[in-house]
C-alpha atoms as a PDB file:
ATOM      1  CA  MET A   1      20.175  21.387 -40.671  1.00  0.00           C
ATOM      2  CA  PRO A   2      17.527  22.135 -43.333  1.00  0.00           C
ATOM      3  CA  ASP A   3      17.053  19.655 -46.166  1.00  0.00           C
ATOM      4  CA  ARG A   4      18.571  21.085 -49.330  1.00  0.00           C
ATOM      5  CA  THR A   5      17.791  18.129 -51.573  1.00  0.00           C
ATOM      6  CA  LEU A   6      15.024  19.796 -53.584  1.00  0.00           C
ATOM      7  CA  PRO A   7      16.988  23.028 -54.303  1.00  0.00           C
ATOM      8  CA  ILE A   8      19.972  20.903 -55.345  1.00  0.00           C
ATOM      9  CA  LEU A   9      17.741  18.863 -57.655  1.00  0.00           C
ATOM     10  CA  ALA A  10      16.431  22.065 -59.245  1.00  0.00           C
ATOM     11  CA  VAL A  11      19.951  23.382 -59.859  1.00  0.00           C
ATOM     12  CA  VAL A  12      21.102  20.052 -61.273  1.00  0.00           C
ATOM     13  CA  PHE A  13      18.076  19.921 -63.564  1.00  0.00           C
ATOM     14  CA  VAL A  14      18.733  23.397 -64.951  1.00  0.00           C
ATOM     15  CA  ALA A  15      22.408  22.562 -65.492  1.00  0.00           C
ATOM     16  CA  ALA A  16      21.528  19.255 -67.153  1.00  0.00           C
ATOM     17  CA  ALA A  17      18.914  20.907 -69.382  1.00  0.00           C
ATOM     18  CA  VAL A  18      21.440  23.505 -70.526  1.00  0.00           C
ATOM     19  CA  GLY A  19      23.932  20.700 -71.122  1.00  0.00           C
ATOM     20  CA  GLY A  20      21.473  19.139 -73.532  1.00  0.00           C
ATOM     21  CA  PHE A  21      22.228  21.943 -75.998  1.00  0.00           C
ATOM     22  CA  VAL A  22      26.026  21.834 -75.739  1.00  0.00           C
ATOM     23  CA  LEU A  23      27.066  18.248 -74.974  1.00  0.00           C
ATOM     24  CA  PRO A  24      28.061  15.877 -77.806  1.00  0.00           C
ATOM     25  CA  GLN A  25      25.610  13.212 -78.881  1.00  0.00           C
ATOM     26  CA  TRP A  26      27.523  10.367 -77.216  1.00  0.00           C
ATOM     27  CA  ALA A  27      27.385  12.197 -73.877  1.00  0.00           C
ATOM     28  CA  LEU A  28      23.656  12.856 -74.259  1.00  0.00           C
ATOM     29  CA  PHE A  29      22.998   9.196 -75.004  1.00  0.00           C
ATOM     30  CA  LEU A  30      25.134   7.949 -72.130  1.00  0.00           C
ATOM     31  CA  THR A  31      23.500  10.368 -69.684  1.00  0.00           C
ATOM     32  CA  THR A  32      20.026   9.434 -70.923  1.00  0.00           C
ATOM     33  CA  VAL A  33      20.652   5.741 -70.278  1.00  0.00           C
ATOM     34  CA  ALA A  34      22.276   6.504 -66.909  1.00  0.00           C
ATOM     35  CA  VAL A  35      19.328   8.589 -65.694  1.00  0.00           C
ATOM     36  CA  ALA A  36      16.812   6.036 -67.012  1.00  0.00           C
ATOM     37  CA  LYS A  37      18.542   3.247 -65.080  1.00  0.00           C
ATOM     38  CA  ALA A  38      18.868   5.517 -62.050  1.00  0.00           C
ATOM     39  CA  LEU A  39      15.070   5.499 -61.822  1.00  0.00           C
ATOM     40  CA  VAL A  40      15.242   1.742 -61.219  1.00  0.00           C
ATOM     41  CA  VAL A  41      17.943   2.257 -58.583  1.00  0.00           C
ATOM     42  CA  LEU A  42      15.784   4.947 -56.974  1.00  0.00           C
ATOM     43  CA  GLY A  43      13.104   2.331 -56.421  1.00  0.00           C
ATOM     44  CA  LEU A  44      15.668  -0.141 -55.122  1.00  0.00           C
ATOM     45  CA  MET A  45      16.821   2.501 -52.654  1.00  0.00           C
ATOM     46  CA  ILE A  46      13.338   2.630 -51.142  1.00  0.00           C
ATOM     47  CA  LEU A  47      13.332  -1.148 -50.654  1.00  0.00           C
ATOM     48  CA  TRP A  48      16.934  -1.144 -49.445  1.00  0.00           C
ATOM     49  CA  ARG A  49      16.110   1.283 -46.649  1.00  0.00           C
ATOM     50  CA  THR A  50      13.500  -1.177 -45.431  1.00  0.00           C
ATOM     51  CA  GLY A  51      16.084  -3.960 -45.361  1.00  0.00           C
ATOM     52  CA  LEU A  52      14.909  -5.610 -48.592  1.00  0.00           C
ATOM     53  CA  VAL A  53      17.090  -6.493 -51.567  1.00  0.00           C
ATOM     54  CA  SER A  54      15.390  -7.237 -54.876  1.00  0.00           C
ATOM     55  CA  PHE A  55      17.173  -9.180 -57.597  1.00  0.00           C
ATOM     56  CA  GLY A  56      14.124  -8.919 -59.821  1.00  0.00           C
ATOM     57  CA  GLN A  57      13.757  -5.255 -60.767  1.00  0.00           C
ATOM     58  CA  ALA A  58      14.493  -6.264 -64.346  1.00  0.00           C
ATOM     59  CA  LEU A  59      10.958  -7.701 -64.369  1.00  0.00           C
ATOM     60  CA  TYR A  60       9.423  -4.227 -64.200  1.00  0.00           C
ATOM     61  CA  TYR A  61      12.206  -2.637 -66.246  1.00  0.00           C
ATOM     62  CA  GLY A  62      11.608  -5.111 -69.066  1.00  0.00           C
ATOM     63  CA  ALA A  63       7.819  -4.892 -68.721  1.00  0.00           C
ATOM     64  CA  GLY A  64       7.933  -1.126 -69.132  1.00  0.00           C
ATOM     65  CA  GLY A  65      10.190  -1.323 -72.163  1.00  0.00           C
ATOM     66  CA  TYR A  66       8.111  -4.030 -73.825  1.00  0.00           C
ATOM     67  CA  ALA A  67       4.845  -2.225 -73.086  1.00  0.00           C
ATOM     68  CA  ALA A  68       6.186   0.789 -75.000  1.00  0.00           C
ATOM     69  CA  GLY A  69       7.631  -1.264 -77.832  1.00  0.00           C
ATOM     70  CA  LEU A  70       4.592  -3.464 -78.369  1.00  0.00           C
ATOM     71  CA  ALA A  71       2.194  -0.525 -78.108  1.00  0.00           C
ATOM     72  CA  GLY A  72       3.980   1.016 -81.059  1.00  0.00           C
ATOM     73  CA  LEU A  73       4.200  -2.253 -82.989  1.00  0.00           C
ATOM     74  CA  TRP A  74       0.627  -3.439 -82.432  1.00  0.00           C
ATOM     75  CA  PHE A  75      -1.351  -0.222 -82.018  1.00  0.00           C
ATOM     76  CA  GLY A  76       0.791   2.390 -83.740  1.00  0.00           C
ATOM     77  CA  LEU A  77       1.173   4.427 -80.541  1.00  0.00           C
ATOM     78  CA  SER A  78       4.193   6.687 -80.902  1.00  0.00           C
ATOM     79  CA  ASP A  79       3.726   9.582 -78.487  1.00  0.00           C
ATOM     80  CA  ALA A  80       6.621   9.337 -76.021  1.00  0.00           C
ATOM     81  CA  ILE A  81       4.657  10.766 -73.100  1.00  0.00           C
ATOM     82  CA  LEU A  82       1.842   8.256 -73.527  1.00  0.00           C
ATOM     83  CA  LEU A  83       4.351   5.423 -73.925  1.00  0.00           C
ATOM     84  CA  LEU A  84       6.100   6.537 -70.747  1.00  0.00           C
ATOM     85  CA  LEU A  85       2.855   6.577 -68.782  1.00  0.00           C
ATOM     86  CA  LEU A  86       1.788   3.246 -70.255  1.00  0.00           C
ATOM     87  CA  GLY A  87       5.066   1.576 -69.313  1.00  0.00           C
ATOM     88  CA  GLY A  88       4.899   2.903 -65.777  1.00  0.00           C
ATOM     89  CA  VAL A  89       1.294   1.788 -65.293  1.00  0.00           C
ATOM     90  CA  VAL A  90       1.931  -1.701 -66.705  1.00  0.00           C
ATOM     91  CA  ALA A  91       4.971  -2.141 -64.461  1.00  0.00           C
ATOM     92  CA  ALA A  92       3.046  -0.851 -61.429  1.00  0.00           C
ATOM     93  CA  VAL A  93       0.174  -3.287 -62.046  1.00  0.00           C
ATOM     94  CA  ILE A  94       2.608  -6.195 -62.327  1.00  0.00           C
ATOM     95  CA  ALA A  95       4.383  -5.014 -59.174  1.00  0.00           C
ATOM     96  CA  TRP A  96       1.041  -4.806 -57.369  1.00  0.00           C
ATOM     97  CA  ALA A  97       0.228  -8.417 -58.267  1.00  0.00           C
ATOM     98  CA  VAL A  98       3.723  -9.736 -57.515  1.00  0.00           C
ATOM     99  CA  GLY A  99       3.934  -7.636 -54.361  1.00  0.00           C
ATOM    100  CA  LEU A 100       0.965  -9.459 -52.831  1.00  0.00           C
ATOM    101  CA  LEU A 101       3.291 -12.454 -52.492  1.00  0.00           C
ATOM    102  CA  LEU A 102       6.616 -10.697 -52.013  1.00  0.00           C
ATOM    103  CA  ALA A 103       5.333  -8.656 -49.056  1.00  0.00           C
ATOM    104  CA  ARG A 104       5.025 -11.883 -47.083  1.00  0.00           C
ATOM    105  CA  TYR A 105       8.740 -12.677 -47.279  1.00  0.00           C
ATOM    106  CA  ARG A 106      12.007 -11.153 -46.075  1.00  0.00           C
ATOM    107  CA  GLU A 107      15.765 -11.402 -46.591  1.00  0.00           C
ATOM    108  CA  ILE A 108      16.994 -14.045 -49.055  1.00  0.00           C
ATOM    109  CA  PHE A 109      13.462 -15.323 -49.724  1.00  0.00           C
ATOM    110  CA  PHE A 110      12.357 -11.878 -50.904  1.00  0.00           C
ATOM    111  CA  ALA A 111      15.447 -11.560 -53.104  1.00  0.00           C
ATOM    112  CA  MET A 112      15.119 -15.007 -54.695  1.00  0.00           C
ATOM    113  CA  LEU A 113      11.377 -14.753 -55.277  1.00  0.00           C
ATOM    114  CA  SER A 114      11.807 -11.414 -57.022  1.00  0.00           C
ATOM    115  CA  LEU A 115      14.527 -12.987 -59.173  1.00  0.00           C
ATOM    116  CA  ALA A 116      12.254 -15.925 -60.013  1.00  0.00           C
ATOM    117  CA  PHE A 117       9.467 -13.662 -61.266  1.00  0.00           C
ATOM    118  CA  SER A 118      11.947 -11.752 -63.397  1.00  0.00           C
ATOM    119  CA  MET A 119      13.198 -14.952 -65.006  1.00  0.00           C
ATOM    120  CA  LEU A 120       9.618 -15.991 -65.724  1.00  0.00           C
ATOM    121  CA  LEU A 121       9.226 -12.894 -67.881  1.00  0.00           C
ATOM    122  CA  TYR A 122      12.587 -13.550 -69.519  1.00  0.00           C
ATOM    123  CA  GLY A 123      11.532 -17.091 -70.394  1.00  0.00           C
ATOM    124  CA  LEU A 124       8.237 -15.842 -71.804  1.00  0.00           C
ATOM    125  CA  LEU A 125       9.952 -13.241 -73.978  1.00  0.00           C
ATOM    126  CA  VAL A 126      12.603 -15.632 -75.286  1.00  0.00           C
ATOM    127  CA  ASN A 127      10.104 -18.331 -76.232  1.00  0.00           C
ATOM    128  CA  THR A 128       7.322 -16.186 -77.715  1.00  0.00           C
ATOM    129  CA  GLU A 129       7.740 -15.293 -81.368  1.00  0.00           C
ATOM    130  CA  ALA A 130       4.951 -12.701 -81.224  1.00  0.00           C
ATOM    131  CA  LEU A 131       7.037 -10.789 -78.667  1.00  0.00           C
ATOM    132  CA  GLY A 132      10.142 -10.839 -80.835  1.00  0.00           C
ATOM    133  CA  SER A 133      11.728 -13.899 -79.206  1.00  0.00           C
ATOM    134  CA  THR A 134      15.506 -13.568 -78.742  1.00  0.00           C
ATOM    135  CA  ASP A 135      15.789 -10.822 -81.382  1.00  0.00           C
ATOM    136  CA  GLY A 136      13.505  -8.407 -79.597  1.00  0.00           C
ATOM    137  CA  VAL A 137      11.551  -5.582 -81.204  1.00  0.00           C
ATOM    138  CA  ASN A 138      12.548  -2.244 -82.692  1.00  0.00           C
ATOM    139  CA  ILE A 139      10.921   0.820 -81.175  1.00  0.00           C
ATOM    140  CA  ALA A 140       8.905   2.998 -83.554  1.00  0.00           C
ATOM    141  CA  GLN A 141      10.282   6.522 -83.880  1.00  0.00           C
ATOM    142  CA  PRO A 142       8.640   8.460 -81.052  1.00  0.00           C
ATOM    143  CA  SER A 143       6.813  11.751 -81.313  1.00  0.00           C
ATOM    144  CA  PHE A 144       6.274  14.445 -78.694  1.00  0.00           C
ATOM    145  CA  PHE A 145       2.796  15.987 -78.824  1.00  0.00           C
ATOM    146  CA  GLY A 146       2.892  15.812 -82.614  1.00  0.00           C
ATOM    147  CA  TYR A 147       6.534  16.881 -82.916  1.00  0.00           C
ATOM    148  CA  ALA A 148       8.530  14.079 -84.571  1.00  0.00           C
ATOM    149  CA  PRO A 149      12.270  14.907 -84.464  1.00  0.00           C
ATOM    150  CA  SER A 150      14.936  12.725 -86.016  1.00  0.00           C
ATOM    151  CA  GLY A 151      18.683  12.325 -85.805  1.00  0.00           C
ATOM    152  CA  ALA A 152      20.448  14.614 -83.346  1.00  0.00           C
ATOM    153  CA  ALA A 153      17.198  16.403 -82.474  1.00  0.00           C
ATOM    154  CA  LEU A 154      15.611  13.103 -81.427  1.00  0.00           C
ATOM    155  CA  ILE A 155      18.540  12.233 -79.145  1.00  0.00           C
ATOM    156  CA  GLN A 156      18.339  15.687 -77.576  1.00  0.00           C
ATOM    157  CA  THR A 157      14.567  15.527 -77.067  1.00  0.00           C
ATOM    158  CA  ILE A 158      14.671  12.080 -75.441  1.00  0.00           C
ATOM    159  CA  TYR A 159      17.477  13.351 -73.223  1.00  0.00           C
ATOM    160  CA  LEU A 160      15.414  16.320 -72.046  1.00  0.00           C
ATOM    161  CA  LEU A 161      12.386  14.082 -71.436  1.00  0.00           C
ATOM    162  CA  THR A 162      14.541  11.716 -69.395  1.00  0.00           C
ATOM    163  CA  ILE A 163      16.057  14.528 -67.332  1.00  0.00           C
ATOM    164  CA  ALA A 164      12.599  15.964 -66.605  1.00  0.00           C
ATOM    165  CA  THR A 165      11.258  12.536 -65.635  1.00  0.00           C
ATOM    166  CA  GLY A 166      14.238  11.966 -63.354  1.00  0.00           C
ATOM    167  CA  LEU A 167      13.673  15.291 -61.610  1.00  0.00           C
ATOM    168  CA  ILE A 168       9.956  14.651 -61.056  1.00  0.00           C
ATOM    169  CA  ALA A 169      10.611  11.103 -59.827  1.00  0.00           C
ATOM    170  CA  ALA A 170      13.333  12.203 -57.402  1.00  0.00           C
ATOM    171  CA  TRP A 171      11.111  15.002 -56.083  1.00  0.00           C
ATOM    172  CA  LEU A 172       8.161  12.659 -55.517  1.00  0.00           C
ATOM    173  CA  VAL A 173      10.339  10.004 -53.882  1.00  0.00           C
ATOM    174  CA  GLN A 174      11.829  12.646 -51.595  1.00  0.00           C
ATOM    175  CA  ILE A 175       8.315  13.647 -50.525  1.00  0.00           C
ATOM    176  CA  PHE A 176       7.468   9.989 -49.945  1.00  0.00           C
ATOM    177  CA  LEU A 177      10.595   9.352 -47.858  1.00  0.00           C
ATOM    178  CA  ARG A 178       9.801  12.339 -45.643  1.00  0.00           C
ATOM    179  CA  SER A 179       6.194  11.231 -45.177  1.00  0.00           C
ATOM    180  CA  THR A 180       5.034   9.135 -42.228  1.00  0.00           C
ATOM    181  CA  ILE A 181       5.013   5.937 -44.293  1.00  0.00           C
ATOM    182  CA  GLY A 182       8.408   6.685 -45.827  1.00  0.00           C
ATOM    183  CA  GLN A 183       9.987   7.272 -42.433  1.00  0.00           C
ATOM    184  CA  LEU A 184       8.858   3.831 -41.283  1.00  0.00           C
ATOM    185  CA  ALA A 185      11.562   2.251 -43.454  1.00  0.00           C
ATOM    186  CA  TRP A 186      14.304   2.219 -40.830  1.00  0.00           C
ATOM    187  CA  PRO A 187      12.003   1.050 -37.970  1.00  0.00           C
ATOM    188  CA  ILE A 188      10.648  -1.778 -40.142  1.00  0.00           C
ATOM    189  CA  ARG A 189      14.178  -2.856 -40.983  1.00  0.00           C
ATOM    190  CA  ASP A 190      15.216  -2.826 -37.325  1.00  0.00           C
ATOM    191  CA  ASN A 191      12.139  -4.290 -35.638  1.00  0.00           C
ATOM    192  CA  GLU A 192       8.939  -5.151 -37.498  1.00  0.00           C
ATOM    193  CA  ILE A 193       7.118  -6.327 -34.385  1.00  0.00           C
ATOM    194  CA  ARG A 194       7.380  -2.949 -32.657  1.00  0.00           C
ATOM    195  CA  VAL A 195       6.064  -1.234 -35.776  1.00  0.00           C
ATOM    196  CA  GLU A 196       3.108  -3.617 -35.808  1.00  0.00           C
ATOM    197  CA  TYR A 197       2.438  -2.696 -32.173  1.00  0.00           C
ATOM    198  CA  LEU A 198       1.982   0.892 -33.338  1.00  0.00           C
ATOM    199  CA  GLY A 199      -0.962  -0.255 -35.444  1.00  0.00           C
ATOM    200  CA  VAL A 200       0.879  -0.169 -38.768  1.00  0.00           C
ATOM    201  CA  SER A 201       0.618  -3.020 -41.260  1.00  0.00           C
ATOM    202  CA  VAL A 202       4.205  -3.746 -42.242  1.00  0.00           C
ATOM    203  CA  ARG A 203       3.042  -5.958 -45.082  1.00  0.00           C
ATOM    204  CA  SER A 204       0.988  -3.099 -46.562  1.00  0.00           C
ATOM    205  CA  VAL A 205       3.923  -0.693 -46.334  1.00  0.00           C
ATOM    206  CA  ILE A 206       6.238  -3.147 -48.092  1.00  0.00           C
ATOM    207  CA  HIS A 207       3.587  -3.845 -50.723  1.00  0.00           C
ATOM    208  CA  LEU A 208       3.336  -0.116 -51.421  1.00  0.00           C
ATOM    209  CA  GLU A 209       7.117   0.154 -51.700  1.00  0.00           C
ATOM    210  CA  VAL A 210       7.210  -2.738 -54.161  1.00  0.00           C
ATOM    211  CA  VAL A 211       4.608  -0.984 -56.331  1.00  0.00           C
ATOM    212  CA  ILE A 212       6.478   2.340 -56.247  1.00  0.00           C
ATOM    213  CA  ALA A 213       9.776   0.636 -57.072  1.00  0.00           C
ATOM    214  CA  GLY A 214       8.090  -1.276 -59.885  1.00  0.00           C
ATOM    215  CA  ALA A 215       6.580   1.854 -61.416  1.00  0.00           C
ATOM    216  CA  LEU A 216       9.946   3.640 -61.311  1.00  0.00           C
ATOM    217  CA  ALA A 217      11.593   0.667 -62.992  1.00  0.00           C
ATOM    218  CA  GLY A 218       8.891   0.695 -65.672  1.00  0.00           C
ATOM    219  CA  PHE A 219       9.560   4.363 -66.407  1.00  0.00           C
ATOM    220  CA  GLY A 220      13.263   3.578 -66.638  1.00  0.00           C
ATOM    221  CA  GLY A 221      12.591   0.733 -69.051  1.00  0.00           C
ATOM    222  CA  VAL A 222      10.539   2.938 -71.381  1.00  0.00           C
ATOM    223  CA  LEU A 223      13.144   5.714 -71.422  1.00  0.00           C
ATOM    224  CA  THR A 224      15.946   3.228 -72.105  1.00  0.00           C
ATOM    225  CA  ALA A 225      13.918   1.675 -74.914  1.00  0.00           C
ATOM    226  CA  LEU A 226      13.278   5.089 -76.474  1.00  0.00           C
ATOM    227  CA  ALA A 227      16.961   6.008 -76.248  1.00  0.00           C
ATOM    228  CA  VAL A 228      18.274   2.711 -77.630  1.00  0.00           C
ATOM    229  CA  GLY A 229      15.462   2.234 -80.143  1.00  0.00           C
ATOM    230  CA  HIS A 230      15.228  -1.473 -79.405  1.00  0.00           C
ATOM    231  CA  ILE A 231      13.996  -3.894 -76.738  1.00  0.00           C
ATOM    232  CA  ASP A 232      15.078  -7.476 -76.166  1.00  0.00           C
ATOM    233  CA  PRO A 233      14.777 -10.158 -73.461  1.00  0.00           C
ATOM    234  CA  GLU A 234      18.082  -9.068 -71.877  1.00  0.00           C
ATOM    235  CA  MET A 235      16.112  -6.247 -70.258  1.00  0.00           C
ATOM    236  CA  ALA A 236      14.453  -8.865 -68.025  1.00  0.00           C
ATOM    237  CA  TYR A 237      17.503 -11.082 -67.486  1.00  0.00           C
ATOM    238  CA  TRP A 238      18.986 -11.615 -64.024  1.00  0.00           C
ATOM    239  CA  THR A 239      22.262  -9.886 -64.930  1.00  0.00           C
ATOM    240  CA  THR A 240      20.291  -6.689 -65.567  1.00  0.00           C
ATOM    241  CA  SER A 241      18.826  -6.894 -62.075  1.00  0.00           C
ATOM    242  CA  GLY A 242      22.322  -7.533 -60.752  1.00  0.00           C
ATOM    243  CA  GLU A 243      23.539  -4.371 -62.440  1.00  0.00           C
ATOM    244  CA  PHE A 244      20.892  -2.339 -60.620  1.00  0.00           C
ATOM    245  CA  VAL A 245      21.909  -3.884 -57.285  1.00  0.00           C
ATOM    246  CA  PHE A 246      25.548  -3.114 -58.142  1.00  0.00           C
ATOM    247  CA  VAL A 247      24.732   0.554 -58.685  1.00  0.00           C
ATOM    248  CA  THR A 248      22.705   0.690 -55.460  1.00  0.00           C
ATOM    249  CA  ILE A 249      25.688  -0.583 -53.485  1.00  0.00           C
ATOM    250  CA  LEU A 250      28.001   1.788 -55.331  1.00  0.00           C
ATOM    251  CA  ALA A 251      25.790   4.840 -54.804  1.00  0.00           C
ATOM    252  CA  GLY A 252      24.430   4.330 -51.307  1.00  0.00           C
ATOM    253  CA  THR A 253      20.964   5.120 -50.006  1.00  0.00           C
ATOM    254  CA  GLY A 254      21.509   8.384 -48.155  1.00  0.00           C
ATOM    255  CA  SER A 255      19.782  10.646 -50.677  1.00  0.00           C
ATOM    256  CA  VAL A 256      17.565  10.538 -53.750  1.00  0.00           C
ATOM    257  CA  ILE A 257      20.483  12.164 -55.592  1.00  0.00           C
ATOM    258  CA  ALA A 258      22.753   9.174 -54.929  1.00  0.00           C
ATOM    259  CA  PRO A 259      21.183   6.796 -57.519  1.00  0.00           C
ATOM    260  CA  PHE A 260      21.740   9.336 -60.291  1.00  0.00           C
ATOM    261  CA  LEU A 261      25.374   9.961 -59.379  1.00  0.00           C
ATOM    262  CA  GLY A 262      26.030   6.246 -58.964  1.00  0.00           C
ATOM    263  CA  SER A 263      24.346   5.327 -62.240  1.00  0.00           C
ATOM    264  CA  LEU A 264      26.194   8.009 -64.173  1.00  0.00           C
ATOM    265  CA  LEU A 265      29.522   6.899 -62.706  1.00  0.00           C
ATOM    266  CA  PHE A 266      28.725   3.265 -63.488  1.00  0.00           C
ATOM    267  CA  GLU A 267      27.853   4.022 -67.111  1.00  0.00           C
ATOM    268  CA  LEU A 268      31.012   6.101 -67.530  1.00  0.00           C
ATOM    269  CA  VAL A 269      33.274   3.422 -66.055  1.00  0.00           C
ATOM    270  CA  GLN A 270      31.574   0.656 -68.033  1.00  0.00           C
ATOM    271  CA  SER A 271      31.670   2.619 -71.285  1.00  0.00           C
ATOM    272  CA  PHE A 272      35.340   3.530 -71.049  1.00  0.00           C
ATOM    273  CA  ALA A 273      36.305   0.095 -69.717  1.00  0.00           C
ATOM    274  CA  MET A 274      34.602  -1.630 -72.653  1.00  0.00           C
ATOM    275  CA  SER A 275      36.215   0.809 -75.089  1.00  0.00           C
ATOM    276  CA  TYR A 276      39.799   0.613 -73.835  1.00  0.00           C
ATOM    277  CA  THR A 277      39.963  -2.761 -72.059  1.00  0.00           C
ATOM    278  CA  PRO A 278      37.244  -4.905 -73.662  1.00  0.00           C
ATOM    279  CA  GLU A 279      38.827  -8.160 -72.441  1.00  0.00           C
ATOM    280  CA  ILE A 280      38.784  -7.274 -68.743  1.00  0.00           C
ATOM    281  CA  TRP A 281      36.011  -4.689 -68.333  1.00  0.00           C
ATOM    282  CA  GLN A 282      34.070  -6.986 -66.011  1.00  0.00           C
ATOM    283  CA  LEU A 283      37.169  -7.270 -63.836  1.00  0.00           C
ATOM    284  CA  MET A 284      37.366  -3.491 -63.582  1.00  0.00           C
ATOM    285  CA  LEU A 285      33.726  -3.211 -62.522  1.00  0.00           C
ATOM    286  CA  GLY A 286      34.183  -5.988 -60.009  1.00  0.00           C
ATOM    287  CA  THR A 287      37.243  -4.256 -58.589  1.00  0.00           C
ATOM    288  CA  ALA A 288      35.297  -1.011 -58.250  1.00  0.00           C
ATOM    289  CA  LEU A 289      32.537  -2.830 -56.346  1.00  0.00           C
ATOM    290  CA  LEU A 290      35.050  -4.586 -54.088  1.00  0.00           C
ATOM    291  CA  LEU A 291      36.809  -1.323 -53.237  1.00  0.00           C
ATOM    292  CA  THR A 292      33.471   0.333 -52.506  1.00  0.00           C
ATOM    293  CA  ILE A 293      32.429  -2.432 -50.127  1.00  0.00           C
ATOM    294  CA  LEU A 294      35.816  -2.457 -48.368  1.00  0.00           C
ATOM    295  CA  PHE A 295      36.440   1.268 -48.005  1.00  0.00           C
ATOM    296  CA  VAL A 296      33.039   2.946 -48.479  1.00  0.00           C
ATOM    297  CA  PRO A 297      30.495   0.394 -47.229  1.00  0.00           C
ATOM    298  CA  GLY A 298      27.805   3.064 -47.078  1.00  0.00           C
ATOM    299  CA  GLY A 299      28.197   3.858 -50.770  1.00  0.00           C
ATOM    300  CA  LEU A 300      29.698   6.911 -52.427  1.00  0.00           C
ATOM    301  CA  TRP A 301      27.010   9.203 -51.016  1.00  0.00           C
ATOM    302  CA  SER A 302      28.276   8.475 -47.510  1.00  0.00           C
ATOM    303  CA  LEU A 303      31.397  10.464 -48.402  1.00  0.00           C
ATOM    304  CA  PHE A 304      29.235  13.587 -48.748  1.00  0.00           C
ATOM    305  CA  GLU A 305      27.487  12.797 -45.465  1.00  0.00           C
ATOM    306  CA  ARG A 306      30.794  12.467 -43.649  1.00  0.00           C
ATOM    307  CA  ARG A 307      31.963  15.770 -45.037  1.00  0.00           C
ATOM    308  CA  ARG A 308      28.760  17.481 -43.939  1.00  0.00           C
ATOM    309  CA  VAL A 309      29.015  16.011 -40.433  1.00  0.00           C
ATOM    310  CA  GLY A 310      32.675  16.998 -40.240  1.00  0.00           C
ATOM    311  CA  ALA A 311      31.799  20.571 -41.250  1.00  0.00           C
END
C-alpha cells in the first residue's frame, strides 16, 4: 500500500491554515502550544523507535526557549524566524555535546542520564539571576520580516508560523524515517550486534537521532515561548519531560502524524480538566494514560493501523 502520509500532511496543513482565520483566539493559542510540543514528541518518537526513552527532552525544549528569550533581552533580536532558527541550532549543539555521552548507554541508563542533564539546566536557570532565576524572562514582541502585529493578529501569525514549522518538520522526519539510517531503528532496537556486523555504527546512528530530537525540541521551545510570551525554569523541569513521554505513549509511534494528534488531544483534555475539575485534573490525565496502556498499548495511532489492516 502506498504511503499517504505526505498528502495527508498537506491536506491537514491547508485545513489548519484556513482554520487560523476562523477559529477563536483560545483555540488558536491551544493549537499553537499543542503543535509546538508535538515537535518535541516527534523527536521522542524517533528515539522511541530505536528502543530509547528520554526523560530529558525538556533540556533542549528549555534551551530553545531561553535562547529566543535571551536573544531578545540581550541583543534586541525580535524576528521570529531568526529566533526560531537560533533556538533550534542552540538545542542541536547542546544535543550534539550531550549525545556524545548518551549514545554510549541504553535502557534506564539512557533515560536517567538524559534526565540528569535536564535538571542541570533547571538548576542553572533557577540559581542564576542574569537568566531570570525562578521568575523567568518575558519574550519581546516578535516581528515577522519587519511586520510587527499585536493582539489578535499576533496570535494568528504565531499560529500560522507554528503550523508551517510543524508541517516542514513532519515532512523532513518522514523522509528521514524512510531513509536507510531511519529504517535502522527497528533493527537496532531488536539486535544491535547484528546491525554492527553490517558495518553500521550504532552509536553514530543514535547520536544523530539525539541531535535531531534535540533540534526539534528546541524549535518547540521557541514556538511555545513566542506563543506564551514568557519563559521560566519550568520549561527544563523533569515534569515537562514527563509530559512529553506521556504524550508519546498516548499517541504511539506509527506515524509522524501521531505526535500532533496526541499532543492536541492532551492539551484539550488538560485544558478542560483544569477548567472544570481543577482539584482532580491530574487524576483524569493519569486515568487516560492508564486506559491507553491497558487497552491501546500501541498508542492511539495503532487504532488507525488496525482499521487499515482490517480494510
